[in-house]
Amino acid sequence: MTRFVLAAVLMAIAGSATAQTKTNPANAPGAADTKIRLQTLGYKDVHDLRRGPDGQWTAKAARGNVEKSVTSSPNGSVIAR
């Protein structure tokens, strides 16, 4: 009986640890990383930063005196419209 309880506890701990590691892959850029990348590329006043279900980040940002809609993909490419 003790072995059964010990096995059940170990399985529960392993399951919760696995669930925690799946939430944020190490190579996926976060909001702060994306904002810094856009600022490095010359964009200022980065706001309305949102992550889409496909992993792409969209934001409003100004380059020069023109505000643009900016999309940043997980691989680092940036498209401004």
N, C-alpha and C. Protein backbone atom coordinates (compact mmCIF):
# COMPACT_ATOMS: atom_id res chain seq x y z
N MET A 1 0.82 -1.19 0.00
CA MET A 1 0.00 0.00 0.00
C MET A 1 0.87 1.26 0.00
N THR A 2 1.95 1.24 0.76
CA THR A 2 2.84 2.40 0.83
C THR A 2 3.48 2.67 -0.52
N ARG A 3 3.86 1.63 -1.23
CA ARG A 3 4.47 1.81 -2.55
C ARG A 3 3.48 2.42 -3.53
N PHE A 4 2.22 2.00 -3.43
CA PHE A 4 1.20 2.55 -4.31
C PHE A 4 1.02 4.05 -4.07
N VAL A 5 0.95 4.46 -2.83
CA VAL A 5 0.79 5.87 -2.47
C VAL A 5 2.01 6.67 -2.93
N LEU A 6 3.20 6.12 -2.71
CA LEU A 6 4.43 6.79 -3.14
C LEU A 6 4.48 6.96 -4.65
N ALA A 7 4.07 5.92 -5.37
CA ALA A 7 4.05 6.00 -6.84
C ALA A 7 3.04 7.04 -7.31
N ALA A 8 1.88 7.12 -6.68
CA ALA A 8 0.87 8.09 -7.06
C ALA A 8 1.36 9.52 -6.81
N VAL A 9 2.03 9.74 -5.70
CA VAL A 9 2.56 11.07 -5.39
C VAL A 9 3.63 11.47 -6.40
N LEU A 10 4.53 10.55 -6.72
CA LEU A 10 5.59 10.85 -7.69
C LEU A 10 5.00 11.16 -9.07
N MET A 11 3.97 10.45 -9.47
CA MET A 11 3.34 10.71 -10.77
C MET A 11 2.67 12.08 -10.78
N ALA A 12 2.05 12.46 -9.68
CA ALA A 12 1.40 13.76 -9.59
C ALA A 12 2.43 14.89 -9.67
N ILE A 13 3.55 14.72 -8.99
CA ILE A 13 4.61 15.73 -9.02
C ILE A 13 5.20 15.84 -10.42
N ALA A 14 5.45 14.72 -11.07
CA ALA A 14 6.01 14.73 -12.42
C ALA A 14 5.05 15.37 -13.40
N GLY A 15 3.76 15.11 -13.25
CA GLY A 15 2.76 15.71 -14.13
C GLY A 15 2.69 17.21 -13.99
N SER A 16 2.75 17.71 -12.78
CA SER A 16 2.69 19.16 -12.58
C SER A 16 3.97 19.84 -13.07
N ALA A 17 5.11 19.19 -12.93
CA ALA A 17 6.37 19.76 -13.44
C ALA A 17 6.35 19.84 -14.95
N THR A 18 5.80 18.83 -15.61
CA THR A 18 5.70 18.84 -17.06
C THR A 18 4.77 19.94 -17.52
N ALA A 19 3.66 20.14 -16.86
CA ALA A 19 2.72 21.19 -17.24
C ALA A 19 3.36 22.56 -17.11
N GLN A 20 4.21 22.78 -16.14
CA GLN A 20 4.84 24.07 -15.96
C GLN A 20 5.87 24.36 -17.04
N THR A 21 6.56 23.37 -17.55
CA THR A 21 7.60 23.61 -18.53
C THR A 21 7.03 23.83 -19.93
N LYS A 22 5.81 23.46 -20.20
CA LYS A 22 5.24 23.61 -21.53
C LYS A 22 4.69 25.01 -21.80
N THR A 23 4.54 25.84 -20.80
CA THR A 23 3.88 27.13 -20.98
C THR A 23 4.70 28.16 -21.74
N ASN A 24 6.02 28.16 -21.63
CA ASN A 24 6.84 29.17 -22.28
C ASN A 24 8.13 28.56 -22.78
N PRO A 25 8.20 28.23 -24.09
CA PRO A 25 9.45 27.70 -24.62
C PRO A 25 10.58 28.69 -24.47
N ALA A 26 11.77 28.21 -24.26
CA ALA A 26 12.92 29.07 -23.98
C ALA A 26 13.28 29.97 -25.16
N ASN A 27 13.01 29.53 -26.39
CA ASN A 27 13.41 30.32 -27.55
C ASN A 27 12.33 31.28 -28.03
N ALA A 28 11.17 31.30 -27.40
CA ALA A 28 10.10 32.21 -27.81
C ALA A 28 10.33 33.59 -27.18
N PRO A 29 10.35 34.65 -28.01
CA PRO A 29 10.56 35.98 -27.44
C PRO A 29 9.34 36.45 -26.67
N GLY A 30 9.59 37.15 -25.58
CA GLY A 30 8.51 37.71 -24.78
C GLY A 30 8.24 39.15 -25.18
N ALA A 31 7.33 39.80 -24.47
CA ALA A 31 6.97 41.17 -24.79
C ALA A 31 8.16 42.12 -24.65
N ALA A 32 8.93 41.95 -23.57
CA ALA A 32 10.08 42.83 -23.37
C ALA A 32 11.13 42.64 -24.47
N ASP A 33 11.38 41.38 -24.85
CA ASP A 33 12.35 41.12 -25.93
C ASP A 33 11.90 41.74 -27.24
N THR A 34 10.61 41.62 -27.53
CA THR A 34 10.08 42.17 -28.77
C THR A 34 10.16 43.69 -28.78
N LYS A 35 9.83 44.32 -27.66
CA LYS A 35 9.90 45.78 -27.59
C LYS A 35 11.34 46.27 -27.76
N ILE A 36 12.29 45.59 -27.14
CA ILE A 36 13.70 45.97 -27.28
C ILE A 36 14.16 45.79 -28.72
N ARG A 37 13.75 44.68 -29.37
CA ARG A 37 14.12 44.45 -30.76
C ARG A 37 13.59 45.57 -31.65
N LEU A 38 12.34 45.99 -31.45
CA LEU A 38 11.78 47.07 -32.25
C LEU A 38 12.51 48.39 -32.00
N GLN A 39 12.84 48.66 -30.76
CA GLN A 39 13.57 49.89 -30.44
C GLN A 39 14.96 49.87 -31.06
N THR A 40 15.59 48.71 -31.10
CA THR A 40 16.91 48.57 -31.71
C THR A 40 16.83 48.86 -33.21
N LEU A 41 15.71 48.54 -33.82
CA LEU A 41 15.52 48.78 -35.25
C LEU A 41 15.09 50.21 -35.55
N GLY A 42 15.00 51.07 -34.53
CA GLY A 42 14.69 52.47 -34.75
C GLY A 42 13.26 52.86 -34.49
N TYR A 43 12.44 51.98 -33.98
CA TYR A 43 11.06 52.31 -33.66
C TYR A 43 10.99 52.92 -32.27
N LYS A 44 10.14 53.92 -32.13
CA LYS A 44 9.95 54.58 -30.83
C LYS A 44 8.48 54.53 -30.46
N ASP A 45 8.19 54.81 -29.21
CA ASP A 45 6.82 54.84 -28.69
C ASP A 45 6.09 53.54 -29.04
N VAL A 46 6.69 52.41 -28.72
CA VAL A 46 6.08 51.10 -28.97
C VAL A 46 4.96 50.91 -27.96
N HIS A 47 3.73 50.68 -28.46
CA HIS A 47 2.58 50.48 -27.57
C HIS A 47 1.59 49.51 -28.21
N ASP A 48 0.58 49.13 -27.46
CA ASP A 48 -0.43 48.15 -27.88
C ASP A 48 0.22 46.84 -28.34
N LEU A 49 1.22 46.39 -27.61
CA LEU A 49 1.94 45.17 -27.95
C LEU A 49 1.10 43.97 -27.55
N ARG A 50 0.78 43.12 -28.53
CA ARG A 50 -0.05 41.94 -28.30
C ARG A 50 0.52 40.73 -29.02
N ARG A 51 0.40 39.59 -28.37
CA ARG A 51 0.87 38.35 -28.99
C ARG A 51 -0.32 37.60 -29.56
N GLY A 52 -0.20 37.20 -30.82
CA GLY A 52 -1.25 36.44 -31.48
C GLY A 52 -1.11 34.95 -31.22
N PRO A 53 -2.12 34.18 -31.59
CA PRO A 53 -2.09 32.73 -31.36
C PRO A 53 -1.01 32.03 -32.18
N ASP A 54 -0.53 32.67 -33.23
CA ASP A 54 0.52 32.08 -34.06
C ASP A 54 1.92 32.42 -33.57
N GLY A 55 2.02 33.16 -32.45
CA GLY A 55 3.31 33.50 -31.88
C GLY A 55 3.87 34.82 -32.37
N GLN A 56 3.19 35.47 -33.30
CA GLN A 56 3.65 36.76 -33.79
C GLN A 56 3.18 37.87 -32.86
N TRP A 57 4.02 38.90 -32.73
CA TRP A 57 3.70 40.06 -31.91
C TRP A 57 3.29 41.20 -32.84
N THR A 58 2.24 41.90 -32.50
CA THR A 58 1.83 43.10 -33.24
C THR A 58 1.86 44.28 -32.28
N ALA A 59 2.18 45.44 -32.83
CA ALA A 59 2.26 46.65 -32.01
C ALA A 59 2.08 47.87 -32.90
N LYS A 60 1.88 48.99 -32.26
CA LYS A 60 1.92 50.29 -32.91
C LYS A 60 3.24 50.92 -32.50
N ALA A 61 3.95 51.48 -33.46
CA ALA A 61 5.23 52.11 -33.16
C ALA A 61 5.51 53.21 -34.18
N ALA A 62 6.29 54.18 -33.77
CA ALA A 62 6.63 55.30 -34.64
C ALA A 62 8.07 55.16 -35.13
N ARG A 63 8.24 55.45 -36.39
CA ARG A 63 9.59 55.51 -36.98
C ARG A 63 9.66 56.84 -37.71
N GLY A 64 10.58 57.67 -37.29
CA GLY A 64 10.54 59.05 -37.76
C GLY A 64 9.37 59.71 -37.06
N ASN A 65 8.49 60.33 -37.82
CA ASN A 65 7.28 60.92 -37.25
C ASN A 65 6.03 60.19 -37.72
N VAL A 66 6.19 58.99 -38.27
CA VAL A 66 5.08 58.24 -38.82
C VAL A 66 4.79 57.02 -37.95
N GLU A 67 3.54 56.90 -37.48
CA GLU A 67 3.16 55.72 -36.71
C GLU A 67 2.77 54.61 -37.66
N LYS A 68 3.24 53.40 -37.35
CA LYS A 68 2.98 52.25 -38.20
C LYS A 68 2.50 51.08 -37.36
N SER A 69 1.84 50.16 -38.01
CA SER A 69 1.50 48.89 -37.39
C SER A 69 2.64 47.93 -37.69
N VAL A 70 3.22 47.34 -36.66
CA VAL A 70 4.42 46.53 -36.80
C VAL A 70 4.12 45.10 -36.37
N THR A 71 4.59 44.13 -37.16
CA THR A 71 4.44 42.72 -36.83
C THR A 71 5.82 42.10 -36.73
N SER A 72 6.07 41.39 -35.62
CA SER A 72 7.35 40.73 -35.40
C SER A 72 7.10 39.23 -35.26
N SER A 73 7.75 38.44 -36.10
CA SER A 73 7.57 36.99 -36.05
C SER A 73 8.53 36.38 -35.04
N PRO A 74 8.26 35.14 -34.62
CA PRO A 74 9.14 34.48 -33.65
C PRO A 74 10.58 34.31 -34.13
N ASN A 75 10.78 34.26 -35.45
CA ASN A 75 12.14 34.09 -35.97
C ASN A 75 12.90 35.41 -36.06
N GLY A 76 12.25 36.54 -35.73
CA GLY A 76 12.95 37.82 -35.68
C GLY A 76 12.66 38.77 -36.82
N SER A 77 11.95 38.35 -37.86
CA SER A 77 11.65 39.27 -38.95
C SER A 77 10.57 40.25 -38.54
N VAL A 78 10.69 41.49 -39.03
CA VAL A 78 9.76 42.56 -38.68
C VAL A 78 9.17 43.14 -39.95
N ILE A 79 7.84 43.31 -39.95
CA ILE A 79 7.15 43.90 -41.08
C ILE A 79 6.37 45.12 -40.57
N ALA A 80 6.52 46.26 -41.23
CA ALA A 80 5.80 47.48 -40.85
C ALA A 80 4.85 47.85 -41.96
N ARG A 81 3.65 48.25 -41.56
CA ARG A 81 2.65 48.70 -42.55
C ARG A 81 2.16 50.07 -42.19
